[in-house]
Amino acid sequence: MEFHKILVPVIGSQADEETIKLACRLARQDKSEVRAIYIITMTRDLPLDAESEAEIQKAEDTLNHIETVAEQENYRIDTDVLQAREAGPTIVDEAVEREVDLILIGVVYKRRFGEFSLGEVAPYVLKNAPCRVILYHQYSDESAV
């Protein structure tokens, strides 16, 4: 299986680092492009183009860290900050627009109502993606609780 374009949404979680390492390793095999995106979600009460300095700074810090991780893997990646109402549709739209072969998503263990939850983004992407999707589950001691 070859991947020429890999899309990696990041959110500043513990899973991002391992996810980008995996993306670089997969990309190296086929000399693929890796693109990491950070999506700033805007609430409906704000204009879509509103700027939140704190969110922009968090996005830039996260992507700078991701670029450093990729450099340690001897791989160069592209990064971008996007603003949207919802992350799931934005990831799918980006995948369609950029004609990616793989979306690689880091998933952090979450509980919702006492049960494991993937949240809303991963299920949306799994259902609507135009390409293969790999979920990378970040194991932590908290997941054993």
N, C-alpha and C. Protein backbone atom coordinates (compact mmCIF):
# COMPACT_ATOMS: atom_id res chain seq x y z
N MET A 1 0.83 -1.17 0.00
CA MET A 1 0.00 0.00 0.00
C MET A 1 0.89 1.24 0.00
N GLU A 2 0.65 2.11 -0.95
CA GLU A 2 1.44 3.33 -1.04
C GLU A 2 0.61 4.55 -0.65
N PHE A 3 1.27 5.45 0.04
CA PHE A 3 0.64 6.72 0.40
C PHE A 3 1.52 7.82 -0.15
N HIS A 4 0.94 8.70 -0.97
CA HIS A 4 1.70 9.80 -1.55
C HIS A 4 1.50 11.11 -0.80
N LYS A 5 0.31 11.24 -0.20
CA LYS A 5 -0.01 12.45 0.56
C LYS A 5 -0.70 12.02 1.85
N ILE A 6 -0.11 12.43 2.98
CA ILE A 6 -0.64 12.07 4.30
C ILE A 6 -1.04 13.34 5.03
N LEU A 7 -2.26 13.34 5.55
CA LEU A 7 -2.78 14.48 6.31
C LEU A 7 -2.85 14.09 7.79
N VAL A 8 -2.26 14.95 8.65
CA VAL A 8 -2.24 14.67 10.08
C VAL A 8 -2.82 15.88 10.83
N PRO A 9 -4.09 15.77 11.27
CA PRO A 9 -4.64 16.84 12.11
C PRO A 9 -4.02 16.75 13.51
N VAL A 10 -3.62 17.87 14.06
CA VAL A 10 -3.03 17.89 15.41
C VAL A 10 -3.81 18.88 16.27
N ILE A 11 -3.79 18.62 17.60
CA ILE A 11 -4.55 19.48 18.51
C ILE A 11 -3.75 19.89 19.74
N GLY A 12 -2.48 19.52 19.77
CA GLY A 12 -1.68 19.86 20.94
C GLY A 12 -1.79 18.82 22.03
N SER A 13 -2.16 17.59 21.68
CA SER A 13 -2.30 16.52 22.67
C SER A 13 -1.04 15.67 22.74
N GLN A 14 -1.01 14.78 23.71
CA GLN A 14 0.12 13.86 23.85
C GLN A 14 0.26 12.96 22.62
N ALA A 15 -0.86 12.65 21.98
CA ALA A 15 -0.84 11.73 20.84
C ALA A 15 -0.18 12.33 19.60
N ASP A 16 -0.13 13.66 19.50
CA ASP A 16 0.39 14.31 18.29
C ASP A 16 1.81 13.88 17.95
N GLU A 17 2.66 13.85 18.94
CA GLU A 17 4.07 13.55 18.70
C GLU A 17 4.26 12.16 18.10
N GLU A 18 3.64 11.16 18.70
CA GLU A 18 3.76 9.80 18.18
C GLU A 18 3.09 9.67 16.82
N THR A 19 1.99 10.38 16.63
CA THR A 19 1.28 10.33 15.37
C THR A 19 2.14 10.89 14.24
N ILE A 20 2.83 11.99 14.50
CA ILE A 20 3.66 12.59 13.45
C ILE A 20 4.89 11.72 13.17
N LYS A 21 5.42 11.06 14.21
CA LYS A 21 6.53 10.12 14.00
C LYS A 21 6.09 8.99 13.08
N LEU A 22 4.89 8.44 13.33
CA LEU A 22 4.36 7.37 12.49
C LEU A 22 4.15 7.86 11.07
N ALA A 23 3.61 9.06 10.91
CA ALA A 23 3.40 9.62 9.58
C ALA A 23 4.72 9.75 8.82
N CYS A 24 5.76 10.22 9.50
CA CYS A 24 7.08 10.37 8.86
C CYS A 24 7.64 9.01 8.44
N ARG A 25 7.46 8.01 9.28
CA ARG A 25 7.97 6.68 8.94
C ARG A 25 7.23 6.09 7.75
N LEU A 26 5.91 6.27 7.72
CA LEU A 26 5.13 5.79 6.58
C LEU A 26 5.51 6.56 5.32
N ALA A 27 5.68 7.86 5.45
CA ALA A 27 5.99 8.71 4.31
C ALA A 27 7.37 8.40 3.72
N ARG A 28 8.30 8.08 4.58
CA ARG A 28 9.66 7.79 4.13
C ARG A 28 9.69 6.62 3.15
N GLN A 29 8.86 5.62 3.40
CA GLN A 29 8.83 4.43 2.54
C GLN A 29 8.49 4.78 1.09
N ASP A 30 7.54 5.70 0.92
CA ASP A 30 7.06 6.04 -0.42
C ASP A 30 7.45 7.45 -0.86
N LYS A 31 8.32 8.09 -0.09
CA LYS A 31 8.70 9.48 -0.37
C LYS A 31 7.46 10.37 -0.50
N SER A 32 6.58 10.25 0.48
CA SER A 32 5.30 10.94 0.49
C SER A 32 5.40 12.33 1.09
N GLU A 33 4.37 13.14 0.83
CA GLU A 33 4.22 14.44 1.46
C GLU A 33 3.45 14.25 2.75
N VAL A 34 3.86 14.95 3.80
CA VAL A 34 3.11 14.95 5.06
C VAL A 34 2.70 16.38 5.34
N ARG A 35 1.43 16.55 5.64
CA ARG A 35 0.89 17.87 5.97
C ARG A 35 0.19 17.78 7.31
N ALA A 36 0.65 18.58 8.27
CA ALA A 36 0.00 18.65 9.58
C ALA A 36 -0.86 19.90 9.62
N ILE A 37 -2.09 19.74 10.09
CA ILE A 37 -2.98 20.90 10.19
C ILE A 37 -3.48 21.04 11.63
N TYR A 38 -3.63 22.27 12.03
CA TYR A 38 -4.22 22.61 13.33
C TYR A 38 -5.46 23.42 13.01
N ILE A 39 -6.61 22.96 13.50
CA ILE A 39 -7.86 23.64 13.20
C ILE A 39 -8.34 24.40 14.44
N ILE A 40 -8.48 25.69 14.27
CA ILE A 40 -9.06 26.52 15.32
C ILE A 40 -10.56 26.53 15.07
N THR A 41 -11.33 25.99 16.01
CA THR A 41 -12.78 25.96 15.84
C THR A 41 -13.38 27.23 16.44
N MET A 42 -14.17 27.89 15.64
CA MET A 42 -14.80 29.14 16.03
C MET A 42 -16.26 28.88 16.41
N THR A 43 -16.67 29.41 17.55
CA THR A 43 -18.05 29.25 17.96
C THR A 43 -18.95 30.07 17.04
N ARG A 44 -20.22 29.69 17.00
CA ARG A 44 -21.16 30.34 16.08
C ARG A 44 -21.42 31.81 16.41
N ASP A 45 -21.12 32.22 17.64
CA ASP A 45 -21.36 33.61 18.00
C ASP A 45 -20.25 34.55 17.53
N LEU A 46 -19.18 33.97 16.96
CA LEU A 46 -18.07 34.77 16.43
C LEU A 46 -18.01 34.64 14.91
N PRO A 47 -17.55 35.68 14.23
CA PRO A 47 -17.34 35.55 12.78
C PRO A 47 -16.25 34.50 12.52
N LEU A 48 -16.38 33.81 11.41
CA LEU A 48 -15.43 32.75 11.08
C LEU A 48 -14.01 33.27 10.96
N ASP A 49 -13.86 34.52 10.56
CA ASP A 49 -12.51 35.08 10.39
C ASP A 49 -12.01 35.85 11.62
N ALA A 50 -12.73 35.73 12.74
CA ALA A 50 -12.29 36.40 13.98
C ALA A 50 -10.94 35.83 14.40
N GLU A 51 -10.11 36.68 14.99
CA GLU A 51 -8.79 36.23 15.41
C GLU A 51 -8.69 36.17 16.92
N SER A 52 -8.26 35.03 17.40
CA SER A 52 -8.01 34.85 18.82
C SER A 52 -6.51 34.66 18.99
N GLU A 53 -5.86 35.69 19.52
CA GLU A 53 -4.40 35.63 19.66
C GLU A 53 -3.95 34.40 20.45
N ALA A 54 -4.68 34.05 21.51
CA ALA A 54 -4.30 32.90 22.33
C ALA A 54 -4.39 31.60 21.52
N GLU A 55 -5.46 31.46 20.75
CA GLU A 55 -5.62 30.24 19.93
C GLU A 55 -4.58 30.18 18.82
N ILE A 56 -4.32 31.31 18.20
CA ILE A 56 -3.32 31.35 17.12
C ILE A 56 -1.95 31.00 17.69
N GLN A 57 -1.62 31.52 18.85
CA GLN A 57 -0.33 31.22 19.49
C GLN A 57 -0.23 29.73 19.82
N LYS A 58 -1.31 29.16 20.37
CA LYS A 58 -1.32 27.72 20.68
C LYS A 58 -1.12 26.90 19.40
N ALA A 59 -1.81 27.29 18.33
CA ALA A 59 -1.69 26.58 17.06
C ALA A 59 -0.26 26.64 16.53
N GLU A 60 0.33 27.83 16.55
CA GLU A 60 1.70 28.00 16.05
C GLU A 60 2.70 27.23 16.91
N ASP A 61 2.52 27.27 18.23
CA ASP A 61 3.41 26.53 19.13
C ASP A 61 3.31 25.02 18.87
N THR A 62 2.09 24.55 18.70
CA THR A 62 1.86 23.12 18.43
C THR A 62 2.52 22.71 17.12
N LEU A 63 2.31 23.50 16.07
CA LEU A 63 2.89 23.15 14.77
C LEU A 63 4.41 23.28 14.77
N ASN A 64 4.95 24.25 15.50
CA ASN A 64 6.41 24.36 15.62
C ASN A 64 6.98 23.10 16.29
N HIS A 65 6.31 22.63 17.32
CA HIS A 65 6.75 21.42 18.01
C HIS A 65 6.68 20.22 17.07
N ILE A 66 5.60 20.14 16.30
CA ILE A 66 5.42 19.03 15.36
C ILE A 66 6.51 19.06 14.29
N GLU A 67 6.86 20.24 13.81
CA GLU A 67 7.94 20.35 12.82
C GLU A 67 9.27 19.88 13.41
N THR A 68 9.51 20.20 14.68
CA THR A 68 10.73 19.74 15.36
C THR A 68 10.76 18.23 15.47
N VAL A 69 9.63 17.64 15.82
CA VAL A 69 9.53 16.17 15.91
C VAL A 69 9.83 15.55 14.53
N ALA A 70 9.26 16.12 13.48
CA ALA A 70 9.50 15.62 12.13
C ALA A 70 10.97 15.74 11.75
N GLU A 71 11.60 16.86 12.11
CA GLU A 71 13.03 17.05 11.83
C GLU A 71 13.86 15.99 12.54
N GLN A 72 13.47 15.63 13.77
CA GLN A 72 14.18 14.58 14.50
C GLN A 72 14.03 13.23 13.80
N GLU A 73 12.96 13.09 13.03
CA GLU A 73 12.74 11.88 12.23
C GLU A 73 13.38 12.02 10.85
N ASN A 74 14.13 13.11 10.64
CA ASN A 74 14.76 13.41 9.35
C ASN A 74 13.75 13.51 8.23
N TYR A 75 12.67 14.22 8.51
CA TYR A 75 11.63 14.40 7.50
C TYR A 75 11.12 15.83 7.58
N ARG A 76 10.83 16.40 6.42
CA ARG A 76 10.29 17.76 6.36
C ARG A 76 8.80 17.67 6.07
N ILE A 77 8.02 18.39 6.86
CA ILE A 77 6.58 18.37 6.66
C ILE A 77 6.07 19.79 6.41
N ASP A 78 4.88 19.88 5.83
CA ASP A 78 4.19 21.15 5.66
C ASP A 78 3.19 21.29 6.80
N THR A 79 2.96 22.51 7.23
CA THR A 79 1.99 22.74 8.29
C THR A 79 1.07 23.89 7.91
N ASP A 80 -0.11 23.91 8.52
CA ASP A 80 -1.06 24.98 8.24
C ASP A 80 -2.03 25.12 9.40
N VAL A 81 -2.46 26.35 9.65
CA VAL A 81 -3.50 26.63 10.63
C VAL A 81 -4.76 27.00 9.86
N LEU A 82 -5.86 26.34 10.20
CA LEU A 82 -7.14 26.59 9.56
C LEU A 82 -8.14 27.03 10.61
N GLN A 83 -9.12 27.85 10.21
CA GLN A 83 -10.21 28.23 11.11
C GLN A 83 -11.49 27.71 10.51
N ALA A 84 -12.34 27.12 11.38
CA ALA A 84 -13.58 26.54 10.90
C ALA A 84 -14.59 26.45 12.02
N ARG A 85 -15.82 26.13 11.68
CA ARG A 85 -16.86 25.93 12.69
C ARG A 85 -16.71 24.56 13.34
N GLU A 86 -16.35 23.55 12.53
CA GLU A 86 -16.22 22.18 13.04
C GLU A 86 -14.97 21.54 12.44
N ALA A 87 -14.29 20.74 13.25
CA ALA A 87 -13.04 20.13 12.80
C ALA A 87 -13.26 18.98 11.82
N GLY A 88 -14.23 18.11 12.10
CA GLY A 88 -14.45 16.93 11.26
C GLY A 88 -14.64 17.25 9.79
N PRO A 89 -15.64 18.08 9.45
CA PRO A 89 -15.83 18.43 8.05
C PRO A 89 -14.63 19.14 7.43
N THR A 90 -13.92 19.92 8.23
CA THR A 90 -12.74 20.63 7.72
C THR A 90 -11.63 19.65 7.36
N ILE A 91 -11.44 18.62 8.17
CA ILE A 91 -10.43 17.59 7.87
C ILE A 91 -10.80 16.87 6.58
N VAL A 92 -12.06 16.50 6.44
CA VAL A 92 -12.52 15.80 5.23
C VAL A 92 -12.37 16.70 4.01
N ASP A 93 -12.78 17.98 4.12
CA ASP A 93 -12.64 18.92 3.00
C ASP A 93 -11.18 19.09 2.59
N GLU A 94 -10.30 19.19 3.58
CA GLU A 94 -8.87 19.33 3.31
C GLU A 94 -8.33 18.09 2.58
N ALA A 95 -8.80 16.92 3.01
CA ALA A 95 -8.38 15.67 2.37
C ALA A 95 -8.83 15.62 0.91
N VAL A 96 -10.05 16.06 0.65
CA VAL A 96 -10.57 16.08 -0.72
C VAL A 96 -9.79 17.08 -1.56
N GLU A 97 -9.64 18.30 -1.03
CA GLU A 97 -8.97 19.37 -1.77
C GLU A 97 -7.52 19.02 -2.10
N ARG A 98 -6.84 18.39 -1.17
CA ARG A 98 -5.42 18.07 -1.36
C ARG A 98 -5.19 16.67 -1.92
N GLU A 99 -6.28 15.94 -2.16
CA GLU A 99 -6.22 14.58 -2.73
C GLU A 99 -5.28 13.68 -1.94
N VAL A 100 -5.48 13.63 -0.61
CA VAL A 100 -4.62 12.81 0.23
C VAL A 100 -5.02 11.34 0.15
N ASP A 101 -4.04 10.48 0.40
CA ASP A 101 -4.26 9.03 0.37
C ASP A 101 -4.54 8.48 1.77
N LEU A 102 -4.13 9.25 2.80
CA LEU A 102 -4.25 8.77 4.17
C LEU A 102 -4.45 9.93 5.11
N ILE A 103 -5.40 9.76 6.03
CA ILE A 103 -5.56 10.68 7.15
C ILE A 103 -5.13 9.91 8.39
N LEU A 104 -4.19 10.46 9.12
CA LEU A 104 -3.67 9.80 10.33
C LEU A 104 -4.03 10.67 11.53
N ILE A 105 -4.89 10.14 12.41
CA ILE A 105 -5.41 10.92 13.53
C ILE A 105 -4.96 10.31 14.86
N GLY A 106 -4.39 11.13 15.69
CA GLY A 106 -4.05 10.71 17.05
C GLY A 106 -5.28 10.83 17.93
N VAL A 107 -5.57 9.77 18.68
CA VAL A 107 -6.75 9.75 19.54
C VAL A 107 -6.29 9.62 20.98
N VAL A 108 -6.76 10.53 21.81
CA VAL A 108 -6.45 10.50 23.23
C VAL A 108 -7.61 9.81 23.94
N TYR A 109 -7.26 9.00 24.92
CA TYR A 109 -8.29 8.29 25.67
C TYR A 109 -9.17 9.30 26.42
N LYS A 110 -10.48 9.21 26.17
CA LYS A 110 -11.43 10.10 26.84
C LYS A 110 -12.58 9.27 27.38
N ARG A 111 -13.13 9.74 28.46
CA ARG A 111 -14.34 9.12 29.01
C ARG A 111 -15.49 10.11 28.87
N ARG A 112 -16.62 9.56 28.46
CA ARG A 112 -17.84 10.36 28.39
C ARG A 112 -18.94 9.53 29.00
N PHE A 113 -19.54 10.03 30.03
CA PHE A 113 -20.56 9.28 30.78
C PHE A 113 -20.01 7.95 31.26
N GLY A 114 -18.73 7.93 31.66
CA GLY A 114 -18.12 6.73 32.20
C GLY A 114 -17.65 5.72 31.17
N GLU A 115 -17.87 6.00 29.90
CA GLU A 115 -17.51 5.08 28.82
C GLU A 115 -16.42 5.70 27.95
N PHE A 116 -15.62 4.84 27.31
CA PHE A 116 -14.62 5.31 26.35
C PHE A 116 -15.32 6.06 25.23
N SER A 117 -14.77 7.17 24.81
CA SER A 117 -15.37 7.97 23.74
C SER A 117 -14.31 8.44 22.76
N LEU A 118 -14.62 8.35 21.49
CA LEU A 118 -13.74 8.89 20.45
C LEU A 118 -14.03 10.36 20.18
N GLY A 119 -15.05 10.90 20.86
CA GLY A 119 -15.44 12.28 20.59
C GLY A 119 -16.27 12.35 19.33
N GLU A 120 -16.30 13.51 18.69
CA GLU A 120 -17.11 13.69 17.49
C GLU A 120 -16.28 13.71 16.21
N VAL A 121 -15.03 14.13 16.30
CA VAL A 121 -14.22 14.33 15.10
C VAL A 121 -13.84 13.01 14.43
N ALA A 122 -13.25 12.09 15.18
CA ALA A 122 -12.79 10.82 14.59
C ALA A 122 -13.93 10.04 13.92
N PRO A 123 -15.08 9.85 14.59
CA PRO A 123 -16.17 9.13 13.91
C PRO A 123 -16.64 9.83 12.63
N TYR A 124 -16.69 11.16 12.65
CA TYR A 124 -17.09 11.90 11.45
C TYR A 124 -16.10 11.64 10.31
N VAL A 125 -14.81 11.72 10.61
CA VAL A 125 -13.79 11.50 9.59
C VAL A 125 -13.85 10.06 9.08
N LEU A 126 -13.99 9.09 9.98
CA LEU A 126 -14.09 7.69 9.57
C LEU A 126 -15.26 7.47 8.62
N LYS A 127 -16.37 8.13 8.90
CA LYS A 127 -17.58 7.95 8.09
C LYS A 127 -17.49 8.65 6.74
N ASN A 128 -16.82 9.79 6.68
CA ASN A 128 -16.88 10.65 5.49
C ASN A 128 -15.59 10.80 4.70
N ALA A 129 -14.51 10.24 5.17
CA ALA A 129 -13.21 10.44 4.51
C ALA A 129 -13.19 9.82 3.11
N PRO A 130 -12.53 10.51 2.17
CA PRO A 130 -12.42 10.01 0.80
C PRO A 130 -11.22 9.07 0.62
N CYS A 131 -10.59 8.69 1.73
CA CYS A 131 -9.36 7.90 1.66
C CYS A 131 -9.26 7.02 2.90
N ARG A 132 -8.15 6.33 3.02
CA ARG A 132 -7.92 5.51 4.21
C ARG A 132 -7.71 6.41 5.42
N VAL A 133 -8.10 5.89 6.59
CA VAL A 133 -7.92 6.61 7.85
C VAL A 133 -7.29 5.65 8.84
N ILE A 134 -6.26 6.12 9.53
CA ILE A 134 -5.66 5.35 10.62
C ILE A 134 -5.81 6.16 11.89
N LEU A 135 -6.37 5.53 12.92
CA LEU A 135 -6.45 6.16 14.23
C LEU A 135 -5.29 5.63 15.05
N TYR A 136 -4.53 6.53 15.64
CA TYR A 136 -3.43 6.15 16.52
C TYR A 136 -3.89 6.43 17.94
N HIS A 137 -4.08 5.39 18.72
CA HIS A 137 -4.54 5.55 20.10
C HIS A 137 -3.33 5.73 21.01
N GLN A 138 -3.29 6.86 21.68
CA GLN A 138 -2.21 7.14 22.61
C GLN A 138 -2.49 6.43 23.92
N TYR A 139 -1.69 5.46 24.25
CA TYR A 139 -1.86 4.75 25.51
C TYR A 139 -1.32 5.61 26.64
N SER A 140 -2.05 5.63 27.73
CA SER A 140 -1.55 6.29 28.92
C SER A 140 -2.03 5.50 30.12
N ASP A 141 -1.41 5.72 31.26
CA ASP A 141 -1.82 5.02 32.47
C ASP A 141 -3.26 5.33 32.84
N GLU A 142 -3.74 6.50 32.42
CA GLU A 142 -5.11 6.88 32.72
C GLU A 142 -6.11 5.95 32.03
N SER A 143 -5.72 5.38 30.87
CA SER A 143 -6.66 4.52 30.14
C SER A 143 -6.88 3.21 30.86
N ALA A 144 -6.03 2.85 31.80
CA ALA A 144 -6.20 1.61 32.53
C ALA A 144 -7.19 1.77 33.68
N VAL A 145 -7.58 3.00 33.98
CA VAL A 145 -8.49 3.27 35.11
C VAL A 145 -9.89 2.86 34.76
